[in-house]
Amino acid sequence: MTRVSLFNSPLLLGFEPFEEALERIAEASADGYPPYNVVQLDRDRLRITLAVAGFAPGDLEIQVQDNQLVIGGRRSEDKSAVYLHRGIAARKFQRSFVLAEGIEVTGAAMENGLLHLDLERPVNEPRIRKIAIAVDNKAVPVT
């Protein structure tokens, strides 16, 4: 099977990392556990909330690897419990989110079985640079 690239235009230079990020997103979105919400709190702040009922803070691990936020959970099972019905998920999980360049995780908190992760994106100032054009191997001053 031939892989079709979204960024195969010669006008899109250096977008390979974005293509790799899209591939990671496709892999990560296959599993729906645990359910989560992403809320925009204001222009520069986001909150990711994961439903992690039954997990203690010590059962969870949050890491940022390169530009990927990875939340993992593993509950230790009570071997002495005899379940007549087991409807609450106790399986381990790993949920990943690809972060845009510069987004920082500013905090994490548990409340009523929900894990809240706060993220902040930096305010980018527009950058304009003029490029000098060399004439006969001599740089022309930029005005």
N, C-alpha and C. Protein backbone atom coordinates (compact mmCIF):
# COMPACT_ATOMS: atom_id res chain seq x y z
N MET A 1 0.84 -1.18 0.00
CA MET A 1 0.00 0.00 0.00
C MET A 1 0.89 1.24 0.00
N THR A 2 0.62 2.17 -0.88
CA THR A 2 1.40 3.39 -0.98
C THR A 2 0.85 4.42 -0.01
N ARG A 3 1.76 5.05 0.72
CA ARG A 3 1.36 6.08 1.68
C ARG A 3 1.27 7.42 0.97
N VAL A 4 0.16 8.11 1.12
CA VAL A 4 -0.05 9.40 0.49
C VAL A 4 0.28 10.47 1.53
N SER A 5 1.14 11.39 1.15
CA SER A 5 1.54 12.45 2.07
C SER A 5 0.66 13.67 1.88
N LEU A 6 0.28 14.27 2.99
CA LEU A 6 -0.50 15.51 2.92
C LEU A 6 0.39 16.69 2.56
N PHE A 7 1.68 16.55 2.84
CA PHE A 7 2.61 17.67 2.68
C PHE A 7 3.58 17.42 1.53
N ASN A 8 3.07 16.89 0.38
CA ASN A 8 3.96 16.56 -0.72
C ASN A 8 4.13 17.70 -1.71
N SER A 9 3.61 18.87 -1.43
CA SER A 9 3.76 20.01 -2.30
C SER A 9 5.17 20.58 -2.16
N PRO A 10 5.80 20.97 -3.25
CA PRO A 10 7.13 21.58 -3.15
C PRO A 10 7.10 22.94 -2.46
N LEU A 11 5.92 23.50 -2.25
CA LEU A 11 5.80 24.79 -1.56
C LEU A 11 5.78 24.63 -0.04
N LEU A 12 5.61 23.41 0.45
CA LEU A 12 5.57 23.14 1.89
C LEU A 12 6.90 22.51 2.30
N LEU A 13 7.83 23.32 2.68
CA LEU A 13 9.17 22.86 3.02
C LEU A 13 9.32 22.73 4.53
N GLY A 14 9.88 21.62 4.99
CA GLY A 14 10.16 21.45 6.41
C GLY A 14 8.96 21.04 7.25
N PHE A 15 7.92 20.50 6.64
CA PHE A 15 6.72 20.12 7.37
C PHE A 15 6.71 18.65 7.78
N GLU A 16 7.84 17.97 7.65
CA GLU A 16 7.91 16.56 8.03
C GLU A 16 7.50 16.33 9.48
N PRO A 17 7.94 17.20 10.43
CA PRO A 17 7.50 16.99 11.82
C PRO A 17 5.98 17.05 11.99
N PHE A 18 5.30 17.88 11.21
CA PHE A 18 3.85 17.95 11.30
C PHE A 18 3.21 16.66 10.78
N GLU A 19 3.79 16.13 9.72
CA GLU A 19 3.29 14.87 9.17
C GLU A 19 3.46 13.74 10.19
N GLU A 20 4.62 13.72 10.86
CA GLU A 20 4.85 12.71 11.90
C GLU A 20 3.87 12.89 13.06
N ALA A 21 3.58 14.14 13.42
CA ALA A 21 2.62 14.41 14.49
C ALA A 21 1.23 13.91 14.12
N LEU A 22 0.82 14.10 12.86
CA LEU A 22 -0.49 13.62 12.43
C LEU A 22 -0.56 12.10 12.49
N GLU A 23 0.54 11.42 12.16
CA GLU A 23 0.57 9.96 12.26
C GLU A 23 0.43 9.52 13.71
N ARG A 24 1.11 10.24 14.65
CA ARG A 24 0.99 9.90 16.08
C ARG A 24 -0.44 10.12 16.57
N ILE A 25 -1.07 11.18 16.08
CA ILE A 25 -2.46 11.46 16.48
C ILE A 25 -3.38 10.32 16.03
N ALA A 26 -3.19 9.87 14.80
CA ALA A 26 -4.03 8.80 14.28
C ALA A 26 -3.87 7.53 15.11
N GLU A 27 -2.64 7.23 15.53
CA GLU A 27 -2.40 6.04 16.35
C GLU A 27 -3.02 6.20 17.74
N ALA A 28 -2.88 7.40 18.33
CA ALA A 28 -3.33 7.62 19.70
C ALA A 28 -4.85 7.67 19.81
N SER A 29 -5.54 8.07 18.75
CA SER A 29 -6.99 8.24 18.85
C SER A 29 -7.76 6.93 18.67
N ALA A 30 -7.05 5.83 18.45
CA ALA A 30 -7.73 4.56 18.21
C ALA A 30 -8.44 4.05 19.46
N ASP A 31 -7.89 4.27 20.66
CA ASP A 31 -8.48 3.78 21.90
C ASP A 31 -9.27 4.91 22.56
N GLY A 32 -10.46 4.63 23.01
CA GLY A 32 -11.31 5.65 23.60
C GLY A 32 -11.27 5.71 25.12
N TYR A 33 -10.31 5.04 25.74
CA TYR A 33 -10.25 4.98 27.20
C TYR A 33 -8.98 5.63 27.69
N PRO A 34 -9.06 6.46 28.69
CA PRO A 34 -10.25 7.00 29.33
C PRO A 34 -10.83 8.16 28.52
N PRO A 35 -12.13 8.40 28.69
CA PRO A 35 -12.73 9.53 27.98
C PRO A 35 -12.15 10.85 28.48
N TYR A 36 -12.16 11.86 27.63
CA TYR A 36 -11.56 13.14 28.00
C TYR A 36 -12.29 14.29 27.31
N ASN A 37 -12.09 15.48 27.85
CA ASN A 37 -12.57 16.73 27.26
C ASN A 37 -11.38 17.65 27.07
N VAL A 38 -11.44 18.50 26.06
CA VAL A 38 -10.47 19.57 25.88
C VAL A 38 -11.28 20.86 25.83
N VAL A 39 -11.00 21.78 26.75
CA VAL A 39 -11.76 23.02 26.86
C VAL A 39 -10.82 24.19 26.68
N GLN A 40 -11.23 25.17 25.88
CA GLN A 40 -10.46 26.39 25.74
C GLN A 40 -10.97 27.36 26.81
N LEU A 41 -10.10 27.65 27.79
CA LEU A 41 -10.48 28.53 28.90
C LEU A 41 -10.47 29.99 28.47
N ASP A 42 -9.48 30.36 27.72
CA ASP A 42 -9.43 31.67 27.08
C ASP A 42 -8.51 31.55 25.88
N ARG A 43 -8.13 32.66 25.30
CA ARG A 43 -7.36 32.63 24.04
C ARG A 43 -6.06 31.84 24.15
N ASP A 44 -5.39 31.88 25.28
CA ASP A 44 -4.07 31.28 25.42
C ASP A 44 -4.01 30.14 26.42
N ARG A 45 -5.17 29.69 26.94
CA ARG A 45 -5.15 28.62 27.95
C ARG A 45 -6.14 27.53 27.58
N LEU A 46 -5.70 26.28 27.78
CA LEU A 46 -6.54 25.11 27.53
C LEU A 46 -6.57 24.25 28.78
N ARG A 47 -7.58 23.41 28.89
CA ARG A 47 -7.65 22.43 29.97
C ARG A 47 -8.09 21.10 29.37
N ILE A 48 -7.30 20.06 29.67
CA ILE A 48 -7.65 18.70 29.30
C ILE A 48 -8.14 18.03 30.56
N THR A 49 -9.32 17.41 30.51
CA THR A 49 -9.88 16.70 31.66
C THR A 49 -10.09 15.26 31.27
N LEU A 50 -9.50 14.35 32.04
CA LEU A 50 -9.66 12.92 31.81
C LEU A 50 -10.48 12.31 32.93
N ALA A 51 -11.40 11.41 32.60
CA ALA A 51 -12.20 10.70 33.59
C ALA A 51 -11.38 9.50 34.06
N VAL A 52 -10.84 9.61 35.27
CA VAL A 52 -9.97 8.55 35.81
C VAL A 52 -10.51 8.04 37.14
N ALA A 53 -11.81 7.80 37.20
CA ALA A 53 -12.44 7.31 38.43
C ALA A 53 -11.77 6.01 38.87
N GLY A 54 -11.47 5.92 40.14
CA GLY A 54 -10.85 4.72 40.70
C GLY A 54 -9.34 4.77 40.72
N PHE A 55 -8.74 5.73 40.05
CA PHE A 55 -7.29 5.88 40.05
C PHE A 55 -6.90 6.91 41.11
N ALA A 56 -5.90 6.59 41.90
CA ALA A 56 -5.35 7.53 42.86
C ALA A 56 -4.25 8.33 42.16
N PRO A 57 -3.91 9.50 42.68
CA PRO A 57 -2.82 10.27 42.06
C PRO A 57 -1.53 9.45 41.91
N GLY A 58 -1.25 8.57 42.83
CA GLY A 58 -0.05 7.74 42.74
C GLY A 58 -0.12 6.69 41.65
N ASP A 59 -1.32 6.42 41.13
CA ASP A 59 -1.49 5.45 40.04
C ASP A 59 -1.27 6.09 38.67
N LEU A 60 -1.13 7.41 38.65
CA LEU A 60 -1.05 8.15 37.39
C LEU A 60 0.34 8.72 37.18
N GLU A 61 0.73 8.83 35.92
CA GLU A 61 2.00 9.45 35.57
C GLU A 61 1.78 10.37 34.39
N ILE A 62 2.32 11.58 34.49
CA ILE A 62 2.18 12.59 33.43
C ILE A 62 3.58 12.97 32.98
N GLN A 63 3.81 12.89 31.67
CA GLN A 63 5.11 13.25 31.12
C GLN A 63 4.92 14.06 29.85
N VAL A 64 5.90 14.92 29.58
CA VAL A 64 5.97 15.58 28.29
C VAL A 64 7.24 15.07 27.63
N GLN A 65 7.07 14.39 26.50
CA GLN A 65 8.18 13.83 25.73
C GLN A 65 8.20 14.54 24.40
N ASP A 66 9.25 15.32 24.19
CA ASP A 66 9.33 16.17 22.99
C ASP A 66 8.08 17.05 22.97
N ASN A 67 7.26 16.95 21.95
CA ASN A 67 6.03 17.76 21.90
C ASN A 67 4.80 16.89 22.11
N GLN A 68 4.93 15.87 22.94
CA GLN A 68 3.82 14.96 23.18
C GLN A 68 3.57 14.85 24.69
N LEU A 69 2.34 15.13 25.08
CA LEU A 69 1.90 14.97 26.46
C LEU A 69 1.38 13.55 26.60
N VAL A 70 1.95 12.79 27.55
CA VAL A 70 1.58 11.39 27.74
C VAL A 70 1.08 11.21 29.16
N ILE A 71 -0.16 10.74 29.31
CA ILE A 71 -0.75 10.45 30.62
C ILE A 71 -0.96 8.95 30.68
N GLY A 72 -0.41 8.34 31.72
CA GLY A 72 -0.57 6.90 31.88
C GLY A 72 -1.14 6.58 33.25
N GLY A 73 -1.85 5.48 33.33
CA GLY A 73 -2.43 5.05 34.60
C GLY A 73 -2.35 3.54 34.73
N ARG A 74 -2.03 3.11 35.94
CA ARG A 74 -1.98 1.67 36.23
C ARG A 74 -2.44 1.50 37.68
N ARG A 75 -3.57 0.80 37.84
CA ARG A 75 -4.10 0.54 39.19
C ARG A 75 -3.58 -0.80 39.67
N SER A 76 -3.24 -0.82 40.94
CA SER A 76 -2.88 -2.10 41.54
C SER A 76 -4.17 -2.78 41.96
N GLU A 77 -4.31 -4.04 41.61
CA GLU A 77 -5.53 -4.77 41.90
C GLU A 77 -5.52 -5.33 43.31
N ASP A 78 -6.68 -5.34 43.92
CA ASP A 78 -6.86 -5.95 45.23
C ASP A 78 -7.09 -7.45 45.00
N LYS A 79 -6.06 -8.23 45.24
CA LYS A 79 -6.12 -9.67 44.97
C LYS A 79 -7.09 -10.39 45.91
N SER A 80 -7.39 -9.78 47.06
CA SER A 80 -8.27 -10.46 48.01
C SER A 80 -9.75 -10.23 47.70
N ALA A 81 -10.06 -9.29 46.80
CA ALA A 81 -11.46 -8.99 46.50
C ALA A 81 -12.08 -10.09 45.63
N VAL A 82 -13.31 -10.44 45.96
CA VAL A 82 -14.08 -11.40 45.17
C VAL A 82 -15.21 -10.60 44.53
N TYR A 83 -15.13 -10.42 43.22
CA TYR A 83 -16.12 -9.61 42.51
C TYR A 83 -17.30 -10.47 42.09
N LEU A 84 -18.49 -10.02 42.41
CA LEU A 84 -19.70 -10.64 41.91
C LEU A 84 -20.07 -10.01 40.56
N HIS A 85 -19.73 -8.76 40.42
CA HIS A 85 -19.88 -8.06 39.14
C HIS A 85 -18.76 -7.02 39.08
N ARG A 86 -18.10 -6.93 37.95
CA ARG A 86 -17.01 -5.96 37.80
C ARG A 86 -17.33 -5.08 36.60
N GLY A 87 -17.85 -3.90 36.88
CA GLY A 87 -18.24 -2.97 35.82
C GLY A 87 -17.37 -1.73 35.75
N ILE A 88 -16.52 -1.52 36.76
CA ILE A 88 -15.64 -0.35 36.76
C ILE A 88 -14.31 -0.77 36.15
N ALA A 89 -13.91 -0.07 35.11
CA ALA A 89 -12.67 -0.42 34.41
C ALA A 89 -11.48 -0.25 35.34
N ALA A 90 -10.60 -1.23 35.35
CA ALA A 90 -9.40 -1.17 36.16
C ALA A 90 -8.16 -1.39 35.30
N ARG A 91 -8.34 -1.30 34.01
CA ARG A 91 -7.21 -1.58 33.12
C ARG A 91 -6.25 -0.39 33.06
N LYS A 92 -5.02 -0.69 32.71
CA LYS A 92 -4.05 0.37 32.55
C LYS A 92 -4.35 1.12 31.26
N PHE A 93 -3.86 2.35 31.17
CA PHE A 93 -4.10 3.14 29.98
C PHE A 93 -2.91 4.04 29.71
N GLN A 94 -2.86 4.51 28.49
CA GLN A 94 -1.93 5.56 28.10
C GLN A 94 -2.63 6.43 27.08
N ARG A 95 -2.75 7.70 27.37
CA ARG A 95 -3.43 8.65 26.48
C ARG A 95 -2.38 9.71 26.11
N SER A 96 -2.27 9.99 24.81
CA SER A 96 -1.27 10.94 24.32
C SER A 96 -1.94 12.09 23.59
N PHE A 97 -1.34 13.27 23.74
CA PHE A 97 -1.78 14.47 23.04
C PHE A 97 -0.55 15.12 22.43
N VAL A 98 -0.62 15.47 21.16
CA VAL A 98 0.48 16.16 20.51
C VAL A 98 0.31 17.65 20.77
N LEU A 99 1.36 18.27 21.29
CA LEU A 99 1.33 19.68 21.66
C LEU A 99 2.00 20.53 20.58
N ALA A 100 1.44 21.68 20.31
CA ALA A 100 2.07 22.62 19.39
C ALA A 100 3.35 23.15 20.04
N GLU A 101 4.24 23.63 19.22
CA GLU A 101 5.52 24.15 19.71
C GLU A 101 5.27 25.25 20.73
N GLY A 102 5.91 25.14 21.87
CA GLY A 102 5.84 26.17 22.90
C GLY A 102 4.75 25.99 23.93
N ILE A 103 3.79 25.10 23.72
CA ILE A 103 2.73 24.92 24.71
C ILE A 103 3.32 24.26 25.95
N GLU A 104 2.99 24.81 27.10
CA GLU A 104 3.51 24.32 28.36
C GLU A 104 2.37 23.76 29.22
N VAL A 105 2.65 22.66 29.90
CA VAL A 105 1.71 22.13 30.89
C VAL A 105 2.01 22.88 32.18
N THR A 106 1.04 23.65 32.67
CA THR A 106 1.28 24.52 33.82
C THR A 106 0.80 23.91 35.13
N GLY A 107 0.01 22.83 35.08
CA GLY A 107 -0.44 22.22 36.31
C GLY A 107 -1.35 21.03 36.07
N ALA A 108 -1.48 20.22 37.13
CA ALA A 108 -2.37 19.06 37.09
C ALA A 108 -3.03 18.93 38.45
N ALA A 109 -4.31 18.58 38.46
CA ALA A 109 -5.05 18.43 39.72
C ALA A 109 -6.12 17.37 39.56
N MET A 110 -6.40 16.65 40.66
CA MET A 110 -7.47 15.65 40.68
C MET A 110 -8.65 16.22 41.47
N GLU A 111 -9.85 15.95 40.94
CA GLU A 111 -11.06 16.41 41.62
C GLU A 111 -12.21 15.49 41.22
N ASN A 112 -12.80 14.80 42.20
CA ASN A 112 -13.97 13.95 41.97
C ASN A 112 -13.77 12.96 40.83
N GLY A 113 -12.62 12.30 40.78
CA GLY A 113 -12.37 11.29 39.75
C GLY A 113 -11.99 11.86 38.40
N LEU A 114 -11.74 13.16 38.33
CA LEU A 114 -11.34 13.81 37.09
C LEU A 114 -9.92 14.37 37.25
N LEU A 115 -9.09 14.11 36.26
CA LEU A 115 -7.74 14.66 36.24
C LEU A 115 -7.76 15.86 35.30
N HIS A 116 -7.41 17.04 35.85
CA HIS A 116 -7.38 18.27 35.07
C HIS A 116 -5.93 18.64 34.78
N LEU A 117 -5.63 18.88 33.52
CA LEU A 117 -4.31 19.34 33.11
C LEU A 117 -4.46 20.70 32.45
N ASP A 118 -3.77 21.69 32.98
CA ASP A 118 -3.84 23.04 32.43
C ASP A 118 -2.65 23.28 31.52
N LEU A 119 -2.94 23.85 30.35
CA LEU A 119 -1.91 24.14 29.36
C LEU A 119 -1.99 25.61 28.98
N GLU A 120 -0.84 26.14 28.64
CA GLU A 120 -0.79 27.54 28.25
C GLU A 120 0.04 27.66 26.99
N ARG A 121 -0.46 28.40 26.03
CA ARG A 121 0.31 28.62 24.82
C ARG A 121 0.92 30.02 24.88
N PRO A 122 2.17 30.14 24.43
CA PRO A 122 2.82 31.45 24.50
C PRO A 122 2.21 32.41 23.50
N VAL A 123 2.31 33.69 23.80
CA VAL A 123 1.85 34.72 22.89
C VAL A 123 2.98 34.96 21.91
N ASN A 124 2.72 34.70 20.64
CA ASN A 124 3.76 34.88 19.61
C ASN A 124 3.66 36.26 19.01
N GLU A 125 4.79 36.95 19.04
CA GLU A 125 4.87 38.26 18.39
C GLU A 125 5.21 38.02 16.92
N PRO A 126 4.56 38.74 16.02
CA PRO A 126 4.89 38.56 14.61
C PRO A 126 6.33 39.01 14.35
N ARG A 127 7.06 38.20 13.57
CA ARG A 127 8.45 38.52 13.23
C ARG A 127 8.54 38.80 11.74
N ILE A 128 9.14 39.92 11.43
CA ILE A 128 9.37 40.27 10.03
C ILE A 128 10.86 40.55 9.89
N ARG A 129 11.48 39.85 8.95
CA ARG A 129 12.90 40.07 8.68
C ARG A 129 13.08 40.42 7.21
N LYS A 130 13.98 41.32 6.95
CA LYS A 130 14.33 41.61 5.57
C LYS A 130 15.61 40.85 5.25
N ILE A 131 15.67 40.31 4.06
CA ILE A 131 16.80 39.52 3.62
C ILE A 131 17.60 40.34 2.61
N ALA A 132 18.92 40.46 2.88
CA ALA A 132 19.79 41.21 1.97
C ALA A 132 20.03 40.39 0.71
N ILE A 133 20.15 41.09 -0.40
CA ILE A 133 20.44 40.45 -1.68
C ILE A 133 21.86 40.82 -2.07
N ALA A 134 22.69 39.80 -2.27
CA ALA A 134 24.08 40.05 -2.66
C ALA A 134 24.16 40.33 -4.15
N VAL A 135 24.95 41.33 -4.49
CA VAL A 135 25.20 41.68 -5.89
C VAL A 135 26.69 41.56 -6.12
N ASP A 136 27.09 40.70 -7.04
CA ASP A 136 28.51 40.46 -7.33
C ASP A 136 29.28 40.10 -6.05
N ASN A 137 28.69 39.21 -5.25
CA ASN A 137 29.28 38.72 -4.00
C ASN A 137 29.49 39.79 -2.94
N LYS A 138 28.81 40.94 -3.06
CA LYS A 138 28.87 41.99 -2.05
C LYS A 138 27.46 42.18 -1.49
N ALA A 139 27.35 42.19 -0.17
CA ALA A 139 26.03 42.35 0.45
C ALA A 139 25.54 43.77 0.29
N VAL A 140 24.29 43.89 -0.05
CA VAL A 140 23.65 45.20 -0.15
C VAL A 140 23.02 45.47 1.20
N PRO A 141 23.24 46.65 1.79
CA PRO A 141 22.64 46.93 3.10
C PRO A 141 21.12 46.90 3.03
N VAL A 142 20.53 46.35 4.10
CA VAL A 142 19.07 46.28 4.21
C VAL A 142 18.60 47.55 4.88
N THR A 143 17.58 48.19 4.30
CA THR A 143 17.05 49.41 4.92
C THR A 143 15.70 49.18 5.49
